[in-house]
């Protein structure tokens, strides 16, 4: 859960690099929270005519920029530009690929630096 909060702390930080664990744990918690909010929308009857829920829709808006930012940082970790997020299947392959060892053009290796200082 620390990665979930770390990504929200870096709300709109598109520079730097993100480890695979940071990206995928954030993705996992986004799915869990979205599922819970979807159940809450169904239970409370707050679904709109299009089938989207009020709570889920608001959460999607809140999580949009951090999701894009962590995705761009993940692309940077494998040595690619953030624009590779726009290529549907290739970005999934890159998100699963191990990051480059050492410093690359996008910054220091996140495995070498402590990027979650509040969790110590």
PDB file of N, CA and C in Angstrom:
ATOM      1  N   UNK A   1       0.819  -1.189   0.000  1.00  0.00           N
ATOM      2  CA  UNK A   1       0.000   0.000   0.000  1.00  0.00           C
ATOM      3  C   UNK A   1       0.869   1.262   0.000  1.00  0.00           C
ATOM      4  N   UNK A   2       2.141   1.104   0.397  1.00  0.00           N
ATOM      5  CA  UNK A   2       3.017   2.272   0.435  1.00  0.00           C
ATOM      6  C   UNK A   2       3.211   2.862  -0.960  1.00  0.00           C
ATOM      7  N   UNK A   3       3.222   2.016  -1.992  1.00  0.00           N
ATOM      8  CA  UNK A   3       3.396   2.516  -3.351  1.00  0.00           C
ATOM      9  C   UNK A   3       2.171   3.305  -3.811  1.00  0.00           C
ATOM     10  N   UNK A   4       1.007   2.893  -3.371  1.00  0.00           N
ATOM     11  CA  UNK A   4      -0.228   3.600  -3.711  1.00  0.00           C
ATOM     12  C   UNK A   4      -0.150   5.036  -3.208  1.00  0.00           C
ATOM     13  N   UNK A   5       0.242   5.184  -1.947  1.00  0.00           N
ATOM     14  CA  UNK A   5       0.348   6.518  -1.374  1.00  0.00           C
ATOM     15  C   UNK A   5       1.536   7.287  -1.952  1.00  0.00           C
ATOM     16  N   UNK A   6       2.616   6.591  -2.272  1.00  0.00           N
ATOM     17  CA  UNK A   6       3.786   7.246  -2.864  1.00  0.00           C
ATOM     18  C   UNK A   6       3.439   7.853  -4.216  1.00  0.00           C
ATOM     19  N   UNK A   7       2.637   7.151  -5.005  1.00  0.00           N
ATOM     20  CA  UNK A   7       2.245   7.676  -6.316  1.00  0.00           C
ATOM     21  C   UNK A   7       1.376   8.915  -6.140  1.00  0.00           C
ATOM     22  N   UNK A   8       0.476   8.912  -5.180  1.00  0.00           N
ATOM     23  CA  UNK A   8      -0.348  10.094  -4.942  1.00  0.00           C
ATOM     24  C   UNK A   8       0.471  11.248  -4.378  1.00  0.00           C
ATOM     25  N   UNK A   9       1.557  10.953  -3.651  1.00  0.00           N
ATOM     26  CA  UNK A   9       2.442  12.021  -3.186  1.00  0.00           C
ATOM     27  C   UNK A   9       3.152  12.678  -4.368  1.00  0.00           C
ATOM     28  N   UNK A  10       3.446  11.904  -5.389  1.00  0.00           N
ATOM     29  CA  UNK A  10       4.080  12.421  -6.609  1.00  0.00           C
ATOM     30  C   UNK A  10       2.999  12.709  -7.643  1.00  0.00           C
ATOM     31  N   UNK A  11       1.918  13.323  -7.224  1.00  0.00           N
ATOM     32  CA  UNK A  11       0.675  13.457  -7.984  1.00  0.00           C
ATOM     33  C   UNK A  11       0.882  13.733  -9.474  1.00  0.00           C
ATOM     34  N   UNK A  12       1.650  14.750  -9.808  1.00  0.00           N
ATOM     35  CA  UNK A  12       1.825  15.113 -11.213  1.00  0.00           C
ATOM     36  C   UNK A  12       3.301  15.170 -11.585  1.00  0.00           C
ATOM     37  N   UNK A  13       4.093  14.302 -11.007  1.00  0.00           N
ATOM     38  CA  UNK A  13       5.525  14.266 -11.307  1.00  0.00           C
ATOM     39  C   UNK A  13       5.755  13.291 -12.463  1.00  0.00           C
ATOM     40  N   UNK A  14       6.017  13.849 -13.628  1.00  0.00           N
ATOM     41  CA  UNK A  14       6.215  13.041 -14.822  1.00  0.00           C
ATOM     42  C   UNK A  14       7.689  12.770 -15.095  1.00  0.00           C
ATOM     43  N   UNK A  15       8.570  13.372 -14.309  1.00  0.00           N
ATOM     44  CA  UNK A  15       9.999  13.151 -14.485  1.00  0.00           C
ATOM     45  C   UNK A  15      10.470  12.078 -13.513  1.00  0.00           C
ATOM     46  N   UNK A  16      11.576  11.460 -13.830  1.00  0.00           N
ATOM     47  CA  UNK A  16      12.117  10.415 -12.977  1.00  0.00           C
ATOM     48  C   UNK A  16      11.694   9.036 -13.450  1.00  0.00           C
ATOM     49  N   UNK A  17      11.880   8.072 -12.557  1.00  0.00           N
ATOM     50  CA  UNK A  17      11.636   6.681 -12.909  1.00  0.00           C
ATOM     51  C   UNK A  17      10.805   6.001 -11.829  1.00  0.00           C
ATOM     52  N   UNK A  18      10.052   4.975 -12.225  1.00  0.00           N
ATOM     53  CA  UNK A  18       9.235   4.195 -11.295  1.00  0.00           C
ATOM     54  C   UNK A  18       9.543   2.710 -11.481  1.00  0.00           C
ATOM     55  N   UNK A  19       9.771   2.023 -10.386  1.00  0.00           N
ATOM     56  CA  UNK A  19      10.028   0.585 -10.429  1.00  0.00           C
ATOM     57  C   UNK A  19       8.774  -0.165 -10.855  1.00  0.00           C
ATOM     58  N   UNK A  20       8.971  -1.414 -11.272  1.00  0.00           N
ATOM     59  CA  UNK A  20       7.817  -2.256 -11.629  1.00  0.00           C
ATOM     60  C   UNK A  20       6.883  -2.418 -10.456  1.00  0.00           C
ATOM     61  N   UNK A  21       7.438  -2.627  -9.264  1.00  0.00           N
ATOM     62  CA  UNK A  21       6.592  -2.841  -8.087  1.00  0.00           C
ATOM     63  C   UNK A  21       5.735  -1.614  -7.792  1.00  0.00           C
ATOM     64  N   UNK A  22       6.300  -0.427  -7.929  1.00  0.00           N
ATOM     65  CA  UNK A  22       5.521   0.791  -7.697  1.00  0.00           C
ATOM     66  C   UNK A  22       4.366   0.872  -8.685  1.00  0.00           C
ATOM     67  N   UNK A  23       4.628   0.625  -9.942  1.00  0.00           N
ATOM     68  CA  UNK A  23       3.612   0.700 -10.985  1.00  0.00           C
ATOM     69  C   UNK A  23       2.513  -0.341 -10.782  1.00  0.00           C
ATOM     70  N   UNK A  24       2.908  -1.605 -10.595  1.00  0.00           N
ATOM     71  CA  UNK A  24       1.917  -2.679 -10.530  1.00  0.00           C
ATOM     72  C   UNK A  24       1.142  -2.689  -9.226  1.00  0.00           C
ATOM     73  N   UNK A  25       1.770  -2.329  -8.101  1.00  0.00           N
ATOM     74  CA  UNK A  25       1.003  -2.235  -6.854  1.00  0.00           C
ATOM     75  C   UNK A  25       0.012  -1.086  -6.917  1.00  0.00           C
ATOM     76  N   UNK A  26       0.400   0.018  -7.531  1.00  0.00           N
ATOM     77  CA  UNK A  26      -0.542   1.115  -7.717  1.00  0.00           C
ATOM     78  C   UNK A  26      -1.713   0.663  -8.580  1.00  0.00           C
ATOM     79  N   UNK A  27      -1.413  -0.029  -9.671  1.00  0.00           N
ATOM     80  CA  UNK A  27      -2.450  -0.543 -10.553  1.00  0.00           C
ATOM     81  C   UNK A  27      -3.394  -1.493  -9.799  1.00  0.00           C
ATOM     82  N   UNK A  28      -2.824  -2.377  -8.979  1.00  0.00           N
ATOM     83  CA  UNK A  28      -3.630  -3.311  -8.196  1.00  0.00           C
ATOM     84  C   UNK A  28      -4.577  -2.572  -7.246  1.00  0.00           C
ATOM     85  N   UNK A  29      -4.068  -1.583  -6.520  1.00  0.00           N
ATOM     86  CA  UNK A  29      -4.921  -0.858  -5.589  1.00  0.00           C
ATOM     87  C   UNK A  29      -5.961   0.003  -6.294  1.00  0.00           C
ATOM     88  N   UNK A  30      -5.637   0.502  -7.487  1.00  0.00           N
ATOM     89  CA  UNK A  30      -6.633   1.224  -8.285  1.00  0.00           C
ATOM     90  C   UNK A  30      -7.794   0.279  -8.618  1.00  0.00           C
ATOM     91  N   UNK A  31      -7.482  -0.942  -9.021  1.00  0.00           N
ATOM     92  CA  UNK A  31      -8.535  -1.917  -9.334  1.00  0.00           C
ATOM     93  C   UNK A  31      -9.377  -2.255  -8.113  1.00  0.00           C
ATOM     94  N   UNK A  32      -8.728  -2.476  -6.977  1.00  0.00           N
ATOM     95  CA  UNK A  32      -9.452  -2.825  -5.752  1.00  0.00           C
ATOM     96  C   UNK A  32     -10.372  -1.693  -5.335  1.00  0.00           C
ATOM     97  N   UNK A  33      -9.852  -0.462  -5.302  1.00  0.00           N
ATOM     98  CA  UNK A  33     -10.674   0.677  -4.894  1.00  0.00           C
ATOM     99  C   UNK A  33     -11.803   0.903  -5.883  1.00  0.00           C
ATOM    100  N   UNK A  34     -11.535   0.758  -7.169  1.00  0.00           N
ATOM    101  CA  UNK A  34     -12.585   0.930  -8.182  1.00  0.00           C
ATOM    102  C   UNK A  34     -13.685  -0.115  -8.031  1.00  0.00           C
ATOM    103  N   UNK A  35     -13.298  -1.346  -7.736  1.00  0.00           N
ATOM    104  CA  UNK A  35     -14.289  -2.408  -7.522  1.00  0.00           C
ATOM    105  C   UNK A  35     -15.161  -2.100  -6.309  1.00  0.00           C
ATOM    106  N   UNK A  36     -14.534  -1.689  -5.225  1.00  0.00           N
ATOM    107  CA  UNK A  36     -15.285  -1.361  -3.999  1.00  0.00           C
ATOM    108  C   UNK A  36     -16.224  -0.187  -4.250  1.00  0.00           C
ATOM    109  N   UNK A  37     -15.740   0.831  -4.943  1.00  0.00           N
ATOM    110  CA  UNK A  37     -16.600   1.979  -5.229  1.00  0.00           C
ATOM    111  C   UNK A  37     -17.719   1.602  -6.201  1.00  0.00           C
ATOM    112  N   UNK A  38     -17.458   0.683  -7.109  1.00  0.00           N
ATOM    113  CA  UNK A  38     -18.508   0.198  -7.999  1.00  0.00           C
ATOM    114  C   UNK A  38     -19.603  -0.519  -7.229  1.00  0.00           C
ATOM    115  N   UNK A  39     -19.202  -1.349  -6.276  1.00  0.00           N
ATOM    116  CA  UNK A  39     -20.192  -2.007  -5.416  1.00  0.00           C
ATOM    117  C   UNK A  39     -20.979  -0.988  -4.599  1.00  0.00           C
ATOM    118  N   UNK A  40     -20.292   0.035  -4.113  1.00  0.00           N
ATOM    119  CA  UNK A  40     -20.969   1.083  -3.344  1.00  0.00           C
ATOM    120  C   UNK A  40     -21.960   1.838  -4.225  1.00  0.00           C
ATOM    121  N   UNK A  41     -21.584   2.101  -5.465  1.00  0.00           N
ATOM    122  CA  UNK A  41     -22.496   2.780  -6.388  1.00  0.00           C
ATOM    123  C   UNK A  41     -23.747   1.950  -6.650  1.00  0.00           C
ATOM    124  N   UNK A  42     -23.565   0.647  -6.831  1.00  0.00           N
ATOM    125  CA  UNK A  42     -24.721  -0.233  -7.064  1.00  0.00           C
ATOM    126  C   UNK A  42     -25.605  -0.280  -5.814  1.00  0.00           C
ATOM    127  N   UNK A  43     -24.988  -0.397  -4.668  1.00  0.00           N
ATOM    128  CA  UNK A  43     -25.726  -0.490  -3.409  1.00  0.00           C
ATOM    129  C   UNK A  43     -26.507   0.791  -3.119  1.00  0.00           C
ATOM    130  N   UNK A  44     -25.860   1.930  -3.354  1.00  0.00           N
ATOM    131  CA  UNK A  44     -26.503   3.218  -3.043  1.00  0.00           C
ATOM    132  C   UNK A  44     -27.403   3.705  -4.170  1.00  0.00           C
ATOM    133  N   UNK A  45     -27.354   3.060  -5.312  1.00  0.00           N
ATOM    134  CA  UNK A  45     -28.199   3.460  -6.433  1.00  0.00           C
ATOM    135  C   UNK A  45     -27.730   4.741  -7.105  1.00  0.00           C
ATOM    136  N   UNK A  46     -26.420   4.975  -7.110  1.00  0.00           N
ATOM    137  CA  UNK A  46     -25.892   6.203  -7.711  1.00  0.00           C
ATOM    138  C   UNK A  46     -25.349   5.986  -9.116  1.00  0.00           C
ATOM    139  N   UNK A  47     -25.844   4.971  -9.802  1.00  0.00           N
ATOM    140  CA  UNK A  47     -25.432   4.739 -11.181  1.00  0.00           C
ATOM    141  C   UNK A  47     -26.114   5.749 -12.094  1.00  0.00           C
ATOM    142  N   UNK A  48     -25.396   6.213 -13.095  1.00  0.00           N
ATOM    143  CA  UNK A  48     -25.969   7.148 -14.066  1.00  0.00           C
ATOM    144  C   UNK A  48     -26.602   6.351 -15.204  1.00  0.00           C
ATOM    145  N   UNK A  49     -27.182   7.040 -16.153  1.00  0.00           N
ATOM    146  CA  UNK A  49     -27.823   6.374 -17.295  1.00  0.00           C
ATOM    147  C   UNK A  49     -26.832   5.602 -18.148  1.00  0.00           C
ATOM    148  N   UNK A  50     -25.564   6.007 -18.133  1.00  0.00           N
ATOM    149  CA  UNK A  50     -24.546   5.334 -18.945  1.00  0.00           C
ATOM    150  C   UNK A  50     -23.952   4.119 -18.256  1.00  0.00           C
ATOM    151  N   UNK A  51     -24.367   3.856 -17.028  1.00  0.00           N
ATOM    152  CA  UNK A  51     -23.878   2.689 -16.302  1.00  0.00           C
ATOM    153  C   UNK A  51     -22.664   2.957 -15.436  1.00  0.00           C
ATOM    154  N   UNK A  52     -22.164   4.183 -15.471  1.00  0.00           N
ATOM    155  CA  UNK A  52     -21.037   4.519 -14.599  1.00  0.00           C
ATOM    156  C   UNK A  52     -21.576   5.031 -13.268  1.00  0.00           C
ATOM    157  N   UNK A  53     -20.823   4.808 -12.234  1.00  0.00           N
ATOM    158  CA  UNK A  53     -21.236   5.247 -10.913  1.00  0.00           C
ATOM    159  C   UNK A  53     -20.686   6.610 -10.577  1.00  0.00           C
ATOM    160  N   UNK A  54     -21.372   7.283  -9.686  1.00  0.00           N
ATOM    161  CA  UNK A  54     -20.945   8.618  -9.272  1.00  0.00           C
ATOM    162  C   UNK A  54     -19.620   8.547  -8.513  1.00  0.00           C
ATOM    163  N   UNK A  55     -19.525   7.644  -7.559  1.00  0.00           N
ATOM    164  CA  UNK A  55     -18.294   7.519  -6.769  1.00  0.00           C
ATOM    165  C   UNK A  55     -17.131   7.029  -7.626  1.00  0.00           C
ATOM    166  N   UNK A  56     -17.395   6.034  -8.446  1.00  0.00           N
ATOM    167  CA  UNK A  56     -16.360   5.507  -9.328  1.00  0.00           C
ATOM    168  C   UNK A  56     -15.867   6.536 -10.322  1.00  0.00           C
ATOM    169  N   UNK A  57     -16.780   7.327 -10.838  1.00  0.00           N
ATOM    170  CA  UNK A  57     -16.409   8.379 -11.785  1.00  0.00           C
ATOM    171  C   UNK A  57     -15.541   9.448 -11.147  1.00  0.00           C
ATOM    172  N   UNK A  58     -15.905   9.850  -9.930  1.00  0.00           N
ATOM    173  CA  UNK A  58     -15.098  10.842  -9.217  1.00  0.00           C
ATOM    174  C   UNK A  58     -13.709  10.298  -8.903  1.00  0.00           C
ATOM    175  N   UNK A  59     -13.660   9.047  -8.473  1.00  0.00           N
ATOM    176  CA  UNK A  59     -12.364   8.436  -8.173  1.00  0.00           C
ATOM    177  C   UNK A  59     -11.509   8.320  -9.435  1.00  0.00           C
ATOM    178  N   UNK A  60     -12.115   8.010 -10.549  1.00  0.00           N
ATOM    179  CA  UNK A  60     -11.374   7.925 -11.811  1.00  0.00           C
ATOM    180  C   UNK A  60     -10.753   9.265 -12.168  1.00  0.00           C
ATOM    181  N   UNK A  61     -11.485  10.336 -11.940  1.00  0.00           N
ATOM    182  CA  UNK A  61     -10.941  11.666 -12.202  1.00  0.00           C
ATOM    183  C   UNK A  61      -9.775  11.986 -11.265  1.00  0.00           C
ATOM    184  N   UNK A  62      -9.911  11.609  -9.995  1.00  0.00           N
ATOM    185  CA  UNK A  62      -8.844  11.860  -9.028  1.00  0.00           C
ATOM    186  C   UNK A  62      -7.597  11.061  -9.372  1.00  0.00           C
ATOM    187  N   UNK A  63      -7.764   9.836  -9.828  1.00  0.00           N
ATOM    188  CA  UNK A  63      -6.630   8.941 -10.085  1.00  0.00           C
ATOM    189  C   UNK A  63      -6.059   9.074 -11.497  1.00  0.00           C
ATOM    190  N   UNK A  64      -6.668   9.869 -12.366  1.00  0.00           N
ATOM    191  CA  UNK A  64      -6.222   9.961 -13.752  1.00  0.00           C
ATOM    192  C   UNK A  64      -4.794  10.493 -13.874  1.00  0.00           C
ATOM    193  N   UNK A  65      -4.518  11.638 -13.298  1.00  0.00           N
ATOM    194  CA  UNK A  65      -3.184  12.240 -13.439  1.00  0.00           C
ATOM    195  C   UNK A  65      -2.110  11.399 -12.763  1.00  0.00           C
ATOM    196  N   UNK A  66      -2.325  10.895 -11.525  1.00  0.00           N
ATOM    197  CA  UNK A  66      -1.295  10.026 -10.949  1.00  0.00           C
ATOM    198  C   UNK A  66      -1.061   8.757 -11.766  1.00  0.00           C
ATOM    199  N   UNK A  67      -2.100   8.215 -12.370  1.00  0.00           N
ATOM    200  CA  UNK A  67      -1.949   7.022 -13.204  1.00  0.00           C
ATOM    201  C   UNK A  67      -1.092   7.310 -14.432  1.00  0.00           C
ATOM    202  N   UNK A  68      -1.342   8.432 -15.062  1.00  0.00           N
ATOM    203  CA  UNK A  68      -0.526   8.820 -16.209  1.00  0.00           C
ATOM    204  C   UNK A  68       0.920   9.090 -15.788  1.00  0.00           C
ATOM    205  N   UNK A  69       1.087   9.763 -14.658  1.00  0.00           N
ATOM    206  CA  UNK A  69       2.428  10.108 -14.188  1.00  0.00           C
ATOM    207  C   UNK A  69       3.247   8.864 -13.864  1.00  0.00           C
ATOM    208  N   UNK A  70       2.655   7.896 -13.157  1.00  0.00           N
ATOM    209  CA  UNK A  70       3.403   6.681 -12.823  1.00  0.00           C
ATOM    210  C   UNK A  70       3.658   5.856 -14.080  1.00  0.00           C
ATOM    211  N   UNK A  71       2.763   5.896 -15.046  1.00  0.00           N
ATOM    212  CA  UNK A  71       2.989   5.210 -16.308  1.00  0.00           C
ATOM    213  C   UNK A  71       4.156   5.806 -17.081  1.00  0.00           C
ATOM    214  N   UNK A  72       4.232   7.132 -17.118  1.00  0.00           N
ATOM    215  CA  UNK A  72       5.343   7.802 -17.794  1.00  0.00           C
ATOM    216  C   UNK A  72       6.653   7.487 -17.079  1.00  0.00           C
ATOM    217  N   UNK A  73       6.640   7.547 -15.744  1.00  0.00           N
ATOM    218  CA  UNK A  73       7.863   7.220 -14.991  1.00  0.00           C
ATOM    219  C   UNK A  73       8.265   5.769 -15.206  1.00  0.00           C
ATOM    220  N   UNK A  74       7.289   4.870 -15.382  1.00  0.00           N
ATOM    221  CA  UNK A  74       7.602   3.458 -15.658  1.00  0.00           C
ATOM    222  C   UNK A  74       8.270   3.320 -17.022  1.00  0.00           C
ATOM    223  N   UNK A  75       7.770   4.049 -18.014  1.00  0.00           N
ATOM    224  CA  UNK A  75       8.398   4.022 -19.338  1.00  0.00           C
ATOM    225  C   UNK A  75       9.829   4.560 -19.248  1.00  0.00           C
ATOM    226  N   UNK A  76      10.020   5.600 -18.442  1.00  0.00           N
ATOM    227  CA  UNK A  76      11.366   6.149 -18.252  1.00  0.00           C
ATOM    228  C   UNK A  76      12.299   5.113 -17.636  1.00  0.00           C
ATOM    229  N   UNK A  77      11.791   4.270 -16.759  1.00  0.00           N
ATOM    230  CA  UNK A  77      12.628   3.270 -16.094  1.00  0.00           C
ATOM    231  C   UNK A  77      13.189   2.255 -17.077  1.00  0.00           C
ATOM    232  N   UNK A  78      12.451   1.988 -18.137  1.00  0.00           N
ATOM    233  CA  UNK A  78      12.952   1.049 -19.153  1.00  0.00           C
ATOM    234  C   UNK A  78      13.667   1.781 -20.286  1.00  0.00           C
ATOM    235  N   UNK A  79      13.893   3.088 -20.108  1.00  0.00           N
ATOM    236  CA  UNK A  79      14.660   3.851 -21.077  1.00  0.00           C
ATOM    237  C   UNK A  79      13.875   4.363 -22.265  1.00  0.00           C
ATOM    238  N   UNK A  80      12.565   4.427 -22.151  1.00  0.00           N
ATOM    239  CA  UNK A  80      11.710   4.888 -23.253  1.00  0.00           C
ATOM    240  C   UNK A  80      11.039   6.208 -22.875  1.00  0.00           C
ATOM    241  N   UNK A  81      10.597   6.914 -23.874  1.00  0.00           N
ATOM    242  CA  UNK A  81       9.850   8.147 -23.666  1.00  0.00           C
ATOM    243  C   UNK A  81       8.459   7.815 -23.106  1.00  0.00           C
ATOM    244  N   UNK A  82       7.879   8.752 -22.382  1.00  0.00           N
ATOM    245  CA  UNK A  82       6.535   8.572 -21.858  1.00  0.00           C
ATOM    246  C   UNK A  82       5.478   8.436 -22.935  1.00  0.00           C
ATOM    247  N   UNK A  83       5.788   8.878 -24.148  1.00  0.00           N
ATOM    248  CA  UNK A  83       4.842   8.771 -25.254  1.00  0.00           C
ATOM    249  C   UNK A  83       4.564   7.316 -25.628  1.00  0.00           C
ATOM    250  N   UNK A  84       5.405   6.396 -25.183  1.00  0.00           N
ATOM    251  CA  UNK A  84       5.174   4.981 -25.475  1.00  0.00           C
ATOM    252  C   UNK A  84       3.911   4.461 -24.781  1.00  0.00           C
ATOM    253  N   UNK A  85       3.354   5.227 -23.848  1.00  0.00           N
ATOM    254  CA  UNK A  85       2.076   4.843 -23.235  1.00  0.00           C
ATOM    255  C   UNK A  85       0.957   4.794 -24.270  1.00  0.00           C
ATOM    256  N   UNK A  86       1.128   5.505 -25.366  1.00  0.00           N
ATOM    257  CA  UNK A  86       0.083   5.569 -26.390  1.00  0.00           C
ATOM    258  C   UNK A  86       0.055   4.355 -27.304  1.00  0.00           C
ATOM    259  N   UNK A  87       1.065   3.494 -27.205  1.00  0.00           N
ATOM    260  CA  UNK A  87       1.117   2.297 -28.051  1.00  0.00           C
ATOM    261  C   UNK A  87       0.529   1.133 -27.249  1.00  0.00           C
ATOM    262  N   UNK A  88      -0.667   0.673 -27.592  1.00  0.00           N
ATOM    263  CA  UNK A  88      -1.450  -0.218 -26.733  1.00  0.00           C
ATOM    264  C   UNK A  88      -0.756  -1.456 -26.175  1.00  0.00           C
ATOM    265  N   UNK A  89      -0.235  -2.333 -26.965  1.00  0.00           N
ATOM    266  CA  UNK A  89       0.308  -3.577 -26.419  1.00  0.00           C
ATOM    267  C   UNK A  89       1.776  -3.468 -26.051  1.00  0.00           C
ATOM    268  N   UNK A  90       2.484  -2.624 -26.777  1.00  0.00           N
ATOM    269  CA  UNK A  90       3.909  -2.458 -26.500  1.00  0.00           C
ATOM    270  C   UNK A  90       4.138  -1.853 -25.118  1.00  0.00           C
ATOM    271  N   UNK A  91       3.252  -0.932 -24.700  1.00  0.00           N
ATOM    272  CA  UNK A  91       3.431  -0.348 -23.370  1.00  0.00           C
ATOM    273  C   UNK A  91       3.221  -1.380 -22.265  1.00  0.00           C
ATOM    274  N   UNK A  92       2.377  -2.362 -22.483  1.00  0.00           N
ATOM    275  CA  UNK A  92       2.197  -3.437 -21.507  1.00  0.00           C
ATOM    276  C   UNK A  92       3.464  -4.280 -21.401  1.00  0.00           C
ATOM    277  N   UNK A  93       4.072  -4.562 -22.536  1.00  0.00           N
ATOM    278  CA  UNK A  93       5.329  -5.308 -22.535  1.00  0.00           C
ATOM    279  C   UNK A  93       6.404  -4.513 -21.797  1.00  0.00           C
ATOM    280  N   UNK A  94       6.478  -3.216 -22.071  1.00  0.00           N
ATOM    281  CA  UNK A  94       7.466  -2.375 -21.399  1.00  0.00           C
ATOM    282  C   UNK A  94       7.206  -2.281 -19.898  1.00  0.00           C
ATOM    283  N   UNK A  95       5.943  -2.238 -19.502  1.00  0.00           N
ATOM    284  CA  UNK A  95       5.606  -2.144 -18.082  1.00  0.00           C
ATOM    285  C   UNK A  95       6.015  -3.412 -17.330  1.00  0.00           C
ATOM    286  N   UNK A  96       6.091  -4.520 -18.030  1.00  0.00           N
ATOM    287  CA  UNK A  96       6.492  -5.790 -17.416  1.00  0.00           C
ATOM    288  C   UNK A  96       8.000  -6.033 -17.485  1.00  0.00           C
ATOM    289  N   UNK A  97       8.696  -5.222 -18.267  1.00  0.00           N
ATOM    290  CA  UNK A  97      10.129  -5.387 -18.467  1.00  0.00           C
ATOM    291  C   UNK A  97      10.900  -4.791 -17.296  1.00  0.00           C
ATOM    292  N   UNK A  98      11.996  -5.419 -16.935  1.00  0.00           N
ATOM    293  CA  UNK A  98      12.855  -4.883 -15.872  1.00  0.00           C
ATOM    294  C   UNK A  98      13.445  -3.551 -16.322  1.00  0.00           C
ATOM    295  N   UNK A  99      13.606  -2.635 -15.376  1.00  0.00           N
ATOM    296  CA  UNK A  99      14.177  -1.334 -15.682  1.00  0.00           C
ATOM    297  C   UNK A  99      15.666  -1.428 -15.969  1.00  0.00           C
ATOM    298  N   UNK A 100      16.182  -0.380 -16.561  1.00  0.00           N
ATOM    299  CA  UNK A 100      17.613  -0.318 -16.849  1.00  0.00           C
ATOM    300  C   UNK A 100      18.387  -0.186 -15.542  1.00  0.00           C
ATOM    301  N   UNK A 101      19.501  -0.903 -15.450  1.00  0.00           N
ATOM    302  CA  UNK A 101      20.357  -0.791 -14.274  1.00  0.00           C
ATOM    303  C   UNK A 101      21.132   0.517 -14.340  1.00  0.00           C
ATOM    304  N   UNK A 102      21.297   1.124 -13.180  1.00  0.00           N
ATOM    305  CA  UNK A 102      22.067   2.361 -13.109  1.00  0.00           C
ATOM    306  C   UNK A 102      21.295   3.554 -13.634  1.00  0.00           C
ATOM    307  N   UNK A 103      21.987   4.646 -13.732  1.00  0.00           N
ATOM    308  CA  UNK A 103      21.389   5.895 -14.194  1.00  0.00           C
ATOM    309  C   UNK A 103      21.169   5.856 -15.702  1.00  0.00           C
ATOM    310  N   UNK A 104      20.021   6.356 -16.139  1.00  0.00           N
ATOM    311  CA  UNK A 104      19.783   6.538 -17.571  1.00  0.00           C
ATOM    312  C   UNK A 104      19.442   8.003 -17.806  1.00  0.00           C
ATOM    313  N   UNK A 105      19.030   8.350 -19.001  1.00  0.00           N
ATOM    314  CA  UNK A 105      18.775   9.756 -19.332  1.00  0.00           C
ATOM    315  C   UNK A 105      17.615  10.359 -18.554  1.00  0.00           C
ATOM    316  N   UNK A 106      16.807   9.524 -17.900  1.00  0.00           N
ATOM    317  CA  UNK A 106      15.643  10.007 -17.164  1.00  0.00           C
ATOM    318  C   UNK A 106      15.879  10.121 -15.664  1.00  0.00           C
ATOM    319  N   UNK A 107      17.023   9.671 -15.196  1.00  0.00           N
ATOM    320  CA  UNK A 107      17.322   9.829 -13.775  1.00  0.00           C
ATOM    321  C   UNK A 107      18.024   8.634 -13.174  1.00  0.00           C
ATOM    322  N   UNK A 108      18.132   8.680 -11.853  1.00  0.00           N
ATOM    323  CA  UNK A 108      18.795   7.616 -11.109  1.00  0.00           C
ATOM    324  C   UNK A 108      17.946   6.355 -11.083  1.00  0.00           C
ATOM    325  N   UNK A 109      18.611   5.236 -10.889  1.00  0.00           N
ATOM    326  CA  UNK A 109      17.924   3.956 -10.761  1.00  0.00           C
ATOM    327  C   UNK A 109      17.124   3.964  -9.461  1.00  0.00           C
ATOM    328  N   UNK A 110      15.800   3.752  -9.521  1.00  0.00           N
ATOM    329  CA  UNK A 110      14.992   3.789  -8.302  1.00  0.00           C
ATOM    330  C   UNK A 110      15.344   2.683  -7.309  1.00  0.00           C
ATOM    331  N   UNK A 111      16.028   1.641  -7.765  1.00  0.00           N
ATOM    332  CA  UNK A 111      16.457   0.592  -6.840  1.00  0.00           C
ATOM    333  C   UNK A 111      17.621   1.066  -5.974  1.00  0.00           C
ATOM    334  N   UNK A 112      18.357   2.061  -6.463  1.00  0.00           N
ATOM    335  CA  UNK A 112      19.515   2.555  -5.731  1.00  0.00           C
ATOM    336  C   UNK A 112      19.186   3.683  -4.778  1.00  0.00           C
ATOM    337  N   UNK A 113      18.057   4.348  -4.985  1.00  0.00           N
ATOM    338  CA  UNK A 113      17.700   5.470  -4.127  1.00  0.00           C
ATOM    339  C   UNK A 113      16.462   5.126  -3.327  1.00  0.00           C
ATOM    340  N   UNK A 114      16.320   5.763  -2.210  1.00  0.00           N
ATOM    341  CA  UNK A 114      15.130   5.557  -1.382  1.00  0.00           C
ATOM    342  C   UNK A 114      14.090   6.562  -1.816  1.00  0.00           C
ATOM    343  N   UNK A 115      13.068   6.130  -2.586  1.00  0.00           N
ATOM    344  CA  UNK A 115      12.088   7.054  -3.128  1.00  0.00           C
ATOM    345  C   UNK A 115      10.804   7.133  -2.312  1.00  0.00           C
ATOM    346  N   UNK A 116      10.759   6.462  -1.144  1.00  0.00           N
ATOM    347  CA  UNK A 116       9.593   6.544  -0.267  1.00  0.00           C
ATOM    348  C   UNK A 116      10.080   6.894   1.135  1.00  0.00           C
ATOM    349  N   UNK A 117      10.493   8.160   1.373  1.00  0.00           N
ATOM    350  CA  UNK A 117      11.125   8.509   2.638  1.00  0.00           C
ATOM    351  C   UNK A 117      10.200   8.464   3.849  1.00  0.00           C
ATOM    352  N   UNK A 118       8.899   8.632   3.681  1.00  0.00           N
ATOM    353  CA  UNK A 118       8.015   8.687   4.831  1.00  0.00           C
ATOM    354  C   UNK A 118       7.726   7.314   5.423  1.00  0.00           C
ATOM    355  N   UNK A 119       8.113   6.238   4.758  1.00  0.00           N
ATOM    356  CA  UNK A 119       7.794   4.896   5.230  1.00  0.00           C
ATOM    357  C   UNK A 119       8.891   4.298   6.111  1.00  0.00           C
ATOM    358  N   UNK A 120       9.931   5.060   6.408  1.00  0.00           N
ATOM    359  CA  UNK A 120      11.024   4.503   7.218  1.00  0.00           C
ATOM    360  C   UNK A 120      10.728   4.618   8.686  1.00  0.00           C
TER     361      UNK A 120
END
